[in-house]
Amino acid sequence: MYTVEPDGDFDTLDDLSNNIHTKMSEVVITKDNIYRKLCNLNISKSPGPDMLHPRVLCECRDAIVYPLVLICSKSLQSGKIPLFWKLAEVTAIFKKGLKSDRANYRPVSLTSVCCKLLGSLIRDHIMSYLLENELLSNRQYGFIKGRSTMLQLLHMFDKWTEYLEGGGQISKYKVG
C-alpha cells in the first residue's frame, strides 16, 4: 500500500532552515556522559565480538571511564574507529512461520558495546541540535522522545474519528 502525498503537505528544508539559531558544535566526549551511558547499559544484552559484556562494562565503569574517554575522543579527532569495533557477529533470528524456511529468519549483527556507546553519544548530540533548532517536522515520529510510533497511530485514529464524525469517508488506495 502506498499513498501519494500532495506537494506542500510537508515542511521543506527551506522552511525549517529559518529556525537555525546556532551552528552545530563539535561532539565533546566527557567522563560524565560516558559514565552516564555505562550506568544505563542494559546488562541483559549480549556482548559483541570483542566479548566485553555490558554487565562487565557497567560494573567496571569507574576503572574504564577514562580510557573510554580517550579512545572515543581520539576516534572523533581522527575520524576513525578502532578496527575491532568494526567487527560484527551476525546471527539469524527466527521471525515466524516454518523454522525450516530460511526466509523466516532475519539477520542481526552483534557489534561492540563500546562502539554503540560512542554512536549513542553522537546521536544524542545531533538530536539535541536538531531539536534545539526545531529542524524536525512535527510530523516526525518514531525516534524522538515523547513522539513514539504508537502516539502517531493514536493521532491518526483521532483525525480519522473526527473526520468520520463530520460525515467524511476514509478509503484506501492502492497506487502503482
N, C-alpha and C. Protein backbone atom coordinates (compact mmCIF):
# COMPACT_ATOMS: atom_id res chain seq x y z
N MET A 1 0.84 -1.18 0.00
CA MET A 1 0.00 0.00 0.00
C MET A 1 0.89 1.24 0.00
N TYR A 2 0.62 2.13 -0.91
CA TYR A 2 1.35 3.38 -0.97
C TYR A 2 0.33 4.51 -1.11
N THR A 3 0.65 5.64 -0.56
CA THR A 3 -0.20 6.80 -0.76
C THR A 3 0.64 7.88 -1.42
N VAL A 4 -0.01 8.68 -2.22
CA VAL A 4 0.67 9.79 -2.88
C VAL A 4 0.37 11.03 -2.06
N GLU A 5 1.40 11.63 -1.52
CA GLU A 5 1.24 12.84 -0.71
C GLU A 5 1.33 14.05 -1.62
N PRO A 6 0.36 14.95 -1.52
CA PRO A 6 0.43 16.16 -2.36
C PRO A 6 1.60 17.03 -1.95
N ASP A 7 2.18 17.72 -2.93
CA ASP A 7 3.26 18.65 -2.63
C ASP A 7 2.76 19.71 -1.66
N GLY A 8 3.65 20.16 -0.81
CA GLY A 8 3.30 21.21 0.13
C GLY A 8 2.74 20.70 1.44
N ASP A 9 2.50 19.38 1.55
CA ASP A 9 1.98 18.83 2.80
C ASP A 9 3.04 18.76 3.89
N PHE A 10 4.30 18.72 3.48
CA PHE A 10 5.36 18.57 4.45
C PHE A 10 6.26 19.80 4.45
N ASP A 11 6.87 20.06 5.59
CA ASP A 11 7.82 21.16 5.69
C ASP A 11 8.98 20.91 4.74
N THR A 12 9.47 21.95 4.11
CA THR A 12 10.66 21.82 3.27
C THR A 12 11.86 22.23 4.08
N LEU A 13 13.04 21.87 3.60
CA LEU A 13 14.26 22.25 4.29
C LEU A 13 14.36 23.77 4.40
N ASP A 14 13.90 24.49 3.35
CA ASP A 14 13.93 25.95 3.40
C ASP A 14 13.06 26.48 4.54
N ASP A 15 11.88 25.86 4.74
CA ASP A 15 11.00 26.28 5.83
C ASP A 15 11.68 26.05 7.18
N LEU A 16 12.34 24.91 7.32
CA LEU A 16 12.96 24.55 8.59
C LEU A 16 14.25 25.34 8.84
N SER A 17 14.98 25.68 7.78
CA SER A 17 16.28 26.33 7.96
C SER A 17 16.16 27.73 8.57
N ASN A 18 14.98 28.31 8.54
CA ASN A 18 14.78 29.61 9.18
C ASN A 18 14.91 29.51 10.69
N ASN A 19 14.83 28.29 11.22
CA ASN A 19 14.88 28.07 12.66
C ASN A 19 16.30 27.91 13.20
N ILE A 20 17.29 27.85 12.34
CA ILE A 20 18.65 27.58 12.80
C ILE A 20 19.15 28.76 13.62
N HIS A 21 19.41 28.49 14.89
CA HIS A 21 19.87 29.53 15.80
C HIS A 21 21.38 29.50 15.99
N THR A 22 21.94 28.32 15.91
CA THR A 22 23.38 28.16 16.15
C THR A 22 23.96 27.14 15.19
N LYS A 23 25.26 27.22 15.00
CA LYS A 23 25.99 26.22 14.23
C LYS A 23 26.20 25.01 15.14
N MET A 24 26.14 23.82 14.57
CA MET A 24 26.34 22.63 15.40
C MET A 24 27.77 22.59 15.91
N SER A 25 27.91 22.44 17.20
CA SER A 25 29.23 22.36 17.81
C SER A 25 29.81 20.97 17.62
N GLU A 26 31.10 20.84 17.88
CA GLU A 26 31.73 19.53 17.81
C GLU A 26 31.27 18.68 18.97
N VAL A 27 31.25 17.38 18.77
CA VAL A 27 30.91 16.46 19.85
C VAL A 27 32.07 16.44 20.82
N VAL A 28 31.78 16.67 22.08
CA VAL A 28 32.82 16.63 23.12
C VAL A 28 32.51 15.44 24.02
N ILE A 29 33.48 14.57 24.14
CA ILE A 29 33.34 13.38 24.98
C ILE A 29 33.85 13.72 26.38
N THR A 30 32.99 13.54 27.37
CA THR A 30 33.38 13.83 28.75
C THR A 30 33.24 12.57 29.61
N LYS A 31 33.91 12.60 30.75
CA LYS A 31 33.79 11.48 31.68
C LYS A 31 32.34 11.33 32.13
N ASP A 32 31.66 12.46 32.34
CA ASP A 32 30.28 12.40 32.82
C ASP A 32 29.35 11.71 31.83
N ASN A 33 29.45 12.09 30.53
CA ASN A 33 28.50 11.48 29.60
C ASN A 33 28.84 10.01 29.31
N ILE A 34 30.11 9.64 29.31
CA ILE A 34 30.49 8.22 29.16
C ILE A 34 30.02 7.44 30.40
N TYR A 35 30.26 8.00 31.57
CA TYR A 35 29.87 7.34 32.83
C TYR A 35 28.36 7.11 32.86
N ARG A 36 27.60 8.12 32.45
CA ARG A 36 26.14 8.01 32.43
C ARG A 36 25.70 6.89 31.49
N LYS A 37 26.33 6.82 30.32
CA LYS A 37 26.00 5.75 29.36
C LYS A 37 26.35 4.37 29.93
N LEU A 38 27.49 4.27 30.60
CA LEU A 38 27.89 2.99 31.20
C LEU A 38 26.91 2.58 32.30
N CYS A 39 26.43 3.54 33.08
CA CYS A 39 25.46 3.24 34.14
C CYS A 39 24.14 2.73 33.57
N ASN A 40 23.80 3.21 32.39
CA ASN A 40 22.50 2.87 31.79
C ASN A 40 22.55 1.72 30.80
N LEU A 41 23.67 1.02 30.72
CA LEU A 41 23.76 -0.13 29.81
C LEU A 41 22.76 -1.20 30.22
N ASN A 42 22.17 -1.83 29.24
CA ASN A 42 21.27 -2.95 29.51
C ASN A 42 22.15 -4.19 29.71
N ILE A 43 22.28 -4.60 30.97
CA ILE A 43 23.22 -5.68 31.30
C ILE A 43 22.72 -7.06 30.88
N SER A 44 21.50 -7.14 30.37
CA SER A 44 20.99 -8.43 29.90
C SER A 44 21.27 -8.64 28.41
N LYS A 45 21.85 -7.64 27.75
CA LYS A 45 22.18 -7.76 26.33
C LYS A 45 23.44 -8.61 26.14
N SER A 46 23.63 -9.08 24.93
CA SER A 46 24.79 -9.93 24.62
C SER A 46 26.02 -9.07 24.34
N PRO A 47 27.20 -9.64 24.59
CA PRO A 47 28.43 -8.91 24.23
C PRO A 47 28.64 -8.96 22.72
N GLY A 48 29.47 -8.07 22.22
CA GLY A 48 29.83 -8.10 20.81
C GLY A 48 30.98 -9.06 20.58
N PRO A 49 31.58 -9.01 19.40
CA PRO A 49 32.68 -9.93 19.08
C PRO A 49 33.92 -9.70 19.94
N ASP A 50 34.03 -8.54 20.58
CA ASP A 50 35.16 -8.28 21.47
C ASP A 50 34.98 -8.95 22.83
N MET A 51 33.80 -9.56 23.03
CA MET A 51 33.44 -10.30 24.24
C MET A 51 33.40 -9.44 25.50
N LEU A 52 33.29 -8.13 25.36
CA LEU A 52 33.10 -7.25 26.51
C LEU A 52 31.61 -7.19 26.83
N HIS A 53 31.22 -7.89 27.85
CA HIS A 53 29.81 -7.98 28.22
C HIS A 53 29.36 -6.66 28.85
N PRO A 54 28.14 -6.21 28.54
CA PRO A 54 27.64 -4.97 29.13
C PRO A 54 27.66 -4.96 30.66
N ARG A 55 27.44 -6.12 31.28
CA ARG A 55 27.48 -6.19 32.74
C ARG A 55 28.89 -5.86 33.25
N VAL A 56 29.92 -6.40 32.58
CA VAL A 56 31.31 -6.13 32.98
C VAL A 56 31.62 -4.64 32.81
N LEU A 57 31.21 -4.08 31.67
CA LEU A 57 31.46 -2.65 31.43
C LEU A 57 30.76 -1.78 32.47
N CYS A 58 29.54 -2.17 32.82
CA CYS A 58 28.79 -1.42 33.83
C CYS A 58 29.45 -1.54 35.21
N GLU A 59 29.82 -2.74 35.57
CA GLU A 59 30.41 -2.97 36.90
C GLU A 59 31.79 -2.33 37.03
N CYS A 60 32.54 -2.26 35.93
CA CYS A 60 33.91 -1.72 35.96
C CYS A 60 33.96 -0.25 35.51
N ARG A 61 32.84 0.42 35.47
CA ARG A 61 32.76 1.76 34.89
C ARG A 61 33.72 2.76 35.53
N ASP A 62 33.95 2.65 36.82
CA ASP A 62 34.86 3.60 37.49
C ASP A 62 36.28 3.46 36.94
N ALA A 63 36.67 2.23 36.63
CA ALA A 63 38.04 1.99 36.15
C ALA A 63 38.19 2.24 34.65
N ILE A 64 37.12 2.08 33.88
CA ILE A 64 37.27 2.17 32.43
C ILE A 64 36.75 3.47 31.82
N VAL A 65 36.13 4.32 32.62
CA VAL A 65 35.54 5.53 32.04
C VAL A 65 36.61 6.42 31.39
N TYR A 66 37.74 6.61 32.05
CA TYR A 66 38.77 7.49 31.48
C TYR A 66 39.40 6.90 30.21
N PRO A 67 39.78 5.60 30.19
CA PRO A 67 40.29 5.04 28.94
C PRO A 67 39.27 5.13 27.79
N LEU A 68 37.98 4.96 28.10
CA LEU A 68 36.96 5.08 27.06
C LEU A 68 36.85 6.52 26.55
N VAL A 69 37.01 7.50 27.45
CA VAL A 69 37.00 8.90 27.03
C VAL A 69 38.15 9.13 26.04
N LEU A 70 39.33 8.61 26.36
CA LEU A 70 40.49 8.78 25.48
C LEU A 70 40.26 8.11 24.11
N ILE A 71 39.76 6.88 24.13
CA ILE A 71 39.54 6.15 22.88
C ILE A 71 38.48 6.85 22.02
N CYS A 72 37.37 7.23 22.64
CA CYS A 72 36.29 7.87 21.89
C CYS A 72 36.72 9.24 21.37
N SER A 73 37.42 10.00 22.18
CA SER A 73 37.90 11.33 21.75
C SER A 73 38.87 11.19 20.58
N LYS A 74 39.80 10.26 20.69
CA LYS A 74 40.77 10.02 19.61
C LYS A 74 40.05 9.58 18.34
N SER A 75 39.03 8.76 18.49
CA SER A 75 38.26 8.29 17.36
C SER A 75 37.58 9.46 16.63
N LEU A 76 36.99 10.36 17.39
CA LEU A 76 36.33 11.52 16.79
C LEU A 76 37.33 12.46 16.13
N GLN A 77 38.48 12.67 16.78
CA GLN A 77 39.50 13.57 16.22
C GLN A 77 40.09 13.02 14.92
N SER A 78 40.30 11.72 14.88
CA SER A 78 40.95 11.11 13.71
C SER A 78 39.94 10.73 12.63
N GLY A 79 38.66 10.64 13.00
CA GLY A 79 37.65 10.20 12.05
C GLY A 79 37.69 8.71 11.79
N LYS A 80 38.35 7.97 12.68
CA LYS A 80 38.46 6.51 12.53
C LYS A 80 38.07 5.85 13.85
N ILE A 81 37.48 4.67 13.71
CA ILE A 81 37.18 3.91 14.93
C ILE A 81 38.12 2.71 14.98
N PRO A 82 38.37 2.21 16.18
CA PRO A 82 39.25 1.04 16.30
C PRO A 82 38.76 -0.12 15.43
N LEU A 83 39.69 -0.83 14.83
CA LEU A 83 39.35 -1.94 13.93
C LEU A 83 38.44 -2.97 14.58
N PHE A 84 38.71 -3.30 15.85
CA PHE A 84 37.91 -4.34 16.49
C PHE A 84 36.49 -3.86 16.78
N TRP A 85 36.23 -2.57 16.70
CA TRP A 85 34.87 -2.05 16.84
C TRP A 85 34.09 -2.23 15.54
N LYS A 86 34.79 -2.48 14.44
CA LYS A 86 34.13 -2.65 13.15
C LYS A 86 33.65 -4.09 12.93
N LEU A 87 34.08 -4.99 13.78
CA LEU A 87 33.70 -6.39 13.65
C LEU A 87 32.25 -6.59 14.10
N ALA A 88 31.60 -7.54 13.49
CA ALA A 88 30.23 -7.87 13.88
C ALA A 88 30.06 -9.37 13.86
N GLU A 89 29.28 -9.85 14.76
CA GLU A 89 28.92 -11.25 14.80
C GLU A 89 27.48 -11.33 14.31
N VAL A 90 27.27 -11.91 13.14
CA VAL A 90 25.94 -11.96 12.54
C VAL A 90 25.28 -13.28 12.89
N THR A 91 24.05 -13.19 13.36
CA THR A 91 23.30 -14.38 13.70
C THR A 91 21.89 -14.25 13.14
N ALA A 92 21.23 -15.36 12.93
CA ALA A 92 19.87 -15.37 12.39
C ALA A 92 18.86 -15.46 13.53
N ILE A 93 17.86 -14.59 13.49
CA ILE A 93 16.79 -14.59 14.49
C ILE A 93 15.50 -15.03 13.80
N PHE A 94 14.83 -16.02 14.38
CA PHE A 94 13.59 -16.53 13.82
C PHE A 94 12.49 -15.48 13.94
N LYS A 95 11.72 -15.28 12.85
CA LYS A 95 10.60 -14.33 12.85
C LYS A 95 9.31 -15.09 13.13
N LYS A 96 8.80 -15.80 12.12
CA LYS A 96 7.57 -16.59 12.26
C LYS A 96 7.46 -17.55 11.09
N GLY A 97 6.55 -18.48 11.20
CA GLY A 97 6.34 -19.46 10.13
C GLY A 97 7.12 -20.73 10.38
N LEU A 98 7.44 -21.41 9.29
CA LEU A 98 8.18 -22.66 9.39
C LEU A 98 9.65 -22.39 9.71
N LYS A 99 10.14 -23.06 10.71
CA LYS A 99 11.55 -22.88 11.08
C LYS A 99 12.49 -23.44 10.03
N SER A 100 11.99 -24.31 9.19
CA SER A 100 12.83 -24.90 8.15
C SER A 100 12.98 -23.98 6.93
N ASP A 101 12.19 -22.90 6.87
CA ASP A 101 12.26 -21.95 5.75
C ASP A 101 13.19 -20.80 6.12
N ARG A 102 14.31 -20.68 5.41
CA ARG A 102 15.30 -19.65 5.76
C ARG A 102 14.76 -18.23 5.56
N ALA A 103 13.69 -18.06 4.79
CA ALA A 103 13.09 -16.74 4.60
C ALA A 103 12.42 -16.24 5.87
N ASN A 104 12.21 -17.13 6.84
CA ASN A 104 11.56 -16.75 8.09
C ASN A 104 12.54 -16.31 9.17
N TYR A 105 13.76 -16.00 8.77
CA TYR A 105 14.78 -15.54 9.69
C TYR A 105 15.27 -14.17 9.24
N ARG A 106 15.70 -13.36 10.19
CA ARG A 106 16.29 -12.07 9.85
C ARG A 106 17.68 -12.00 10.48
N PRO A 107 18.62 -11.37 9.78
CA PRO A 107 19.97 -11.28 10.35
C PRO A 107 20.06 -10.17 11.39
N VAL A 108 20.82 -10.43 12.42
CA VAL A 108 21.09 -9.44 13.46
C VAL A 108 22.60 -9.39 13.65
N SER A 109 23.14 -8.19 13.70
CA SER A 109 24.58 -8.01 13.90
C SER A 109 24.86 -7.60 15.33
N LEU A 110 25.67 -8.38 16.00
CA LEU A 110 26.13 -8.01 17.33
C LEU A 110 27.46 -7.28 17.16
N THR A 111 27.48 -6.03 17.56
CA THR A 111 28.71 -5.23 17.45
C THR A 111 29.19 -4.84 18.84
N SER A 112 30.33 -4.24 18.90
CA SER A 112 30.94 -3.85 20.16
C SER A 112 30.05 -2.89 20.95
N VAL A 113 29.86 -3.18 22.22
CA VAL A 113 29.06 -2.32 23.09
C VAL A 113 29.71 -0.93 23.18
N CYS A 114 31.03 -0.89 23.21
CA CYS A 114 31.74 0.39 23.30
C CYS A 114 31.50 1.24 22.05
N CYS A 115 31.47 0.60 20.89
CA CYS A 115 31.21 1.32 19.64
C CYS A 115 29.78 1.87 19.64
N LYS A 116 28.85 1.07 20.14
CA LYS A 116 27.45 1.53 20.23
C LYS A 116 27.35 2.70 21.21
N LEU A 117 28.14 2.66 22.26
CA LEU A 117 28.16 3.74 23.23
C LEU A 117 28.60 5.05 22.57
N LEU A 118 29.66 4.99 21.77
CA LEU A 118 30.13 6.18 21.04
C LEU A 118 29.06 6.64 20.07
N GLY A 119 28.45 5.73 19.34
CA GLY A 119 27.38 6.07 18.41
C GLY A 119 26.21 6.73 19.11
N SER A 120 25.92 6.28 20.31
CA SER A 120 24.83 6.85 21.10
C SER A 120 25.14 8.29 21.51
N LEU A 121 26.40 8.54 21.87
CA LEU A 121 26.79 9.92 22.23
C LEU A 121 26.67 10.86 21.03
N ILE A 122 27.07 10.38 19.87
CA ILE A 122 26.99 11.19 18.64
C ILE A 122 25.52 11.43 18.30
N ARG A 123 24.70 10.39 18.40
CA ARG A 123 23.27 10.53 18.12
C ARG A 123 22.64 11.55 19.06
N ASP A 124 22.95 11.47 20.35
CA ASP A 124 22.40 12.42 21.32
C ASP A 124 22.77 13.85 20.95
N HIS A 125 24.01 14.05 20.54
CA HIS A 125 24.49 15.38 20.17
C HIS A 125 23.72 15.93 18.96
N ILE A 126 23.57 15.08 17.95
CA ILE A 126 22.85 15.50 16.74
C ILE A 126 21.38 15.76 17.05
N MET A 127 20.74 14.88 17.80
CA MET A 127 19.33 15.08 18.15
C MET A 127 19.14 16.36 18.95
N SER A 128 20.05 16.63 19.86
CA SER A 128 19.97 17.86 20.65
C SER A 128 19.99 19.08 19.74
N TYR A 129 20.89 19.07 18.76
CA TYR A 129 20.99 20.18 17.81
C TYR A 129 19.71 20.31 16.98
N LEU A 130 19.21 19.20 16.46
CA LEU A 130 18.01 19.23 15.63
C LEU A 130 16.80 19.73 16.42
N LEU A 131 16.66 19.28 17.66
CA LEU A 131 15.54 19.72 18.48
C LEU A 131 15.68 21.18 18.90
N GLU A 132 16.88 21.58 19.29
CA GLU A 132 17.14 22.96 19.71
C GLU A 132 16.81 23.94 18.59
N ASN A 133 17.10 23.57 17.37
CA ASN A 133 16.89 24.45 16.22
C ASN A 133 15.58 24.14 15.48
N GLU A 134 14.75 23.28 16.07
CA GLU A 134 13.45 22.94 15.52
C GLU A 134 13.55 22.52 14.04
N LEU A 135 14.50 21.64 13.75
CA LEU A 135 14.75 21.20 12.38
C LEU A 135 14.02 19.91 12.02
N LEU A 136 13.24 19.38 12.95
CA LEU A 136 12.45 18.20 12.65
C LEU A 136 10.99 18.61 12.55
N SER A 137 10.32 18.11 11.53
CA SER A 137 8.90 18.40 11.35
C SER A 137 8.12 17.84 12.52
N ASN A 138 7.04 18.51 12.88
CA ASN A 138 6.20 17.96 13.95
C ASN A 138 5.43 16.73 13.46
N ARG A 139 5.64 16.35 12.21
CA ARG A 139 5.06 15.12 11.68
C ARG A 139 6.02 13.94 11.84
N GLN A 140 7.18 14.20 12.40
CA GLN A 140 8.19 13.16 12.59
C GLN A 140 7.91 12.39 13.88
N TYR A 141 7.82 11.10 13.77
CA TYR A 141 7.60 10.23 14.93
C TYR A 141 8.62 9.10 14.88
N GLY A 142 8.75 8.40 15.98
CA GLY A 142 9.49 7.15 15.98
C GLY A 142 10.85 7.17 16.63
N PHE A 143 11.56 8.28 16.60
CA PHE A 143 12.87 8.28 17.26
C PHE A 143 13.08 9.54 18.09
N ILE A 144 12.01 10.26 18.34
CA ILE A 144 12.08 11.46 19.16
C ILE A 144 11.39 11.16 20.48
N LYS A 145 12.02 11.55 21.60
CA LYS A 145 11.43 11.31 22.91
C LYS A 145 10.04 11.94 22.97
N GLY A 146 9.09 11.17 23.44
CA GLY A 146 7.73 11.66 23.58
C GLY A 146 6.93 11.63 22.28
N ARG A 147 7.50 11.10 21.21
CA ARG A 147 6.80 11.06 19.91
C ARG A 147 6.97 9.66 19.30
N SER A 148 6.40 8.68 19.96
CA SER A 148 6.53 7.29 19.53
C SER A 148 5.63 7.01 18.33
N THR A 149 5.87 5.89 17.69
CA THR A 149 5.01 5.48 16.58
C THR A 149 3.61 5.16 17.09
N MET A 150 3.51 4.73 18.34
CA MET A 150 2.18 4.48 18.93
C MET A 150 1.41 5.80 19.06
N LEU A 151 2.09 6.86 19.44
CA LEU A 151 1.46 8.17 19.53
C LEU A 151 1.01 8.63 18.15
N GLN A 152 1.80 8.35 17.13
CA GLN A 152 1.43 8.70 15.76
C GLN A 152 0.16 7.96 15.36
N LEU A 153 0.08 6.69 15.69
CA LEU A 153 -1.10 5.90 15.37
C LEU A 153 -2.33 6.45 16.08
N LEU A 154 -2.20 6.78 17.35
CA LEU A 154 -3.32 7.37 18.09
C LEU A 154 -3.74 8.71 17.48
N HIS A 155 -2.76 9.49 17.07
CA HIS A 155 -3.04 10.79 16.43
C HIS A 155 -3.84 10.57 15.14
N MET A 156 -3.46 9.58 14.34
CA MET A 156 -4.18 9.30 13.11
C MET A 156 -5.60 8.80 13.38
N PHE A 157 -5.75 7.91 14.36
CA PHE A 157 -7.09 7.43 14.72
C PHE A 157 -7.97 8.59 15.16
N ASP A 158 -7.40 9.52 15.90
CA ASP A 158 -8.13 10.70 16.36
C ASP A 158 -8.60 11.53 15.16
N LYS A 159 -7.71 11.75 14.20
CA LYS A 159 -8.06 12.50 12.98
C LYS A 159 -9.15 11.78 12.19
N TRP A 160 -8.99 10.46 12.03
CA TRP A 160 -9.99 9.69 11.29
C TRP A 160 -11.35 9.75 11.97
N THR A 161 -11.36 9.61 13.30
CA THR A 161 -12.62 9.66 14.05
C THR A 161 -13.29 11.01 13.86
N GLU A 162 -12.51 12.07 13.99
CA GLU A 162 -13.02 13.43 13.80
C GLU A 162 -13.60 13.59 12.40
N TYR A 163 -12.90 13.07 11.40
CA TYR A 163 -13.34 13.17 10.01
C TYR A 163 -14.64 12.39 9.79
N LEU A 164 -14.71 11.16 10.33
CA LEU A 164 -15.91 10.33 10.18
C LEU A 164 -17.10 10.95 10.89
N GLU A 165 -16.88 11.50 12.08
CA GLU A 165 -17.97 12.15 12.82
C GLU A 165 -18.49 13.37 12.09
N GLY A 166 -17.67 13.98 11.25
CA GLY A 166 -18.08 15.13 10.46
C GLY A 166 -18.74 14.73 9.14
N GLY A 167 -18.98 13.43 8.95
CA GLY A 167 -19.65 12.96 7.74
C GLY A 167 -18.71 12.56 6.62
N GLY A 168 -17.42 12.57 6.86
CA GLY A 168 -16.45 12.21 5.82
C GLY A 168 -16.32 10.71 5.67
N GLN A 169 -15.55 10.32 4.69
CA GLN A 169 -15.27 8.91 4.44
C GLN A 169 -13.76 8.69 4.45
N ILE A 170 -13.38 7.48 4.81
CA ILE A 170 -11.98 7.10 4.74
C ILE A 170 -11.90 5.88 3.84
N SER A 171 -11.09 5.98 2.81
CA SER A 171 -10.94 4.86 1.89
C SER A 171 -9.46 4.58 1.71
N LYS A 172 -9.15 3.40 1.22
CA LYS A 172 -7.76 3.09 0.97
C LYS A 172 -7.52 3.04 -0.53
N TYR A 173 -6.35 3.46 -0.89
CA TYR A 173 -5.97 3.49 -2.29
C TYR A 173 -4.77 2.61 -2.49
N LYS A 174 -4.76 1.90 -3.60
CA LYS A 174 -3.57 1.14 -3.96
C LYS A 174 -2.97 1.84 -5.17
N VAL A 175 -1.77 2.34 -5.01
CA VAL A 175 -1.11 3.09 -6.06
C VAL A 175 0.00 2.23 -6.66
N GLY A 176 0.14 2.25 -7.97
CA GLY A 176 1.24 1.55 -8.63
C GLY A 176 0.90 0.16 -8.84
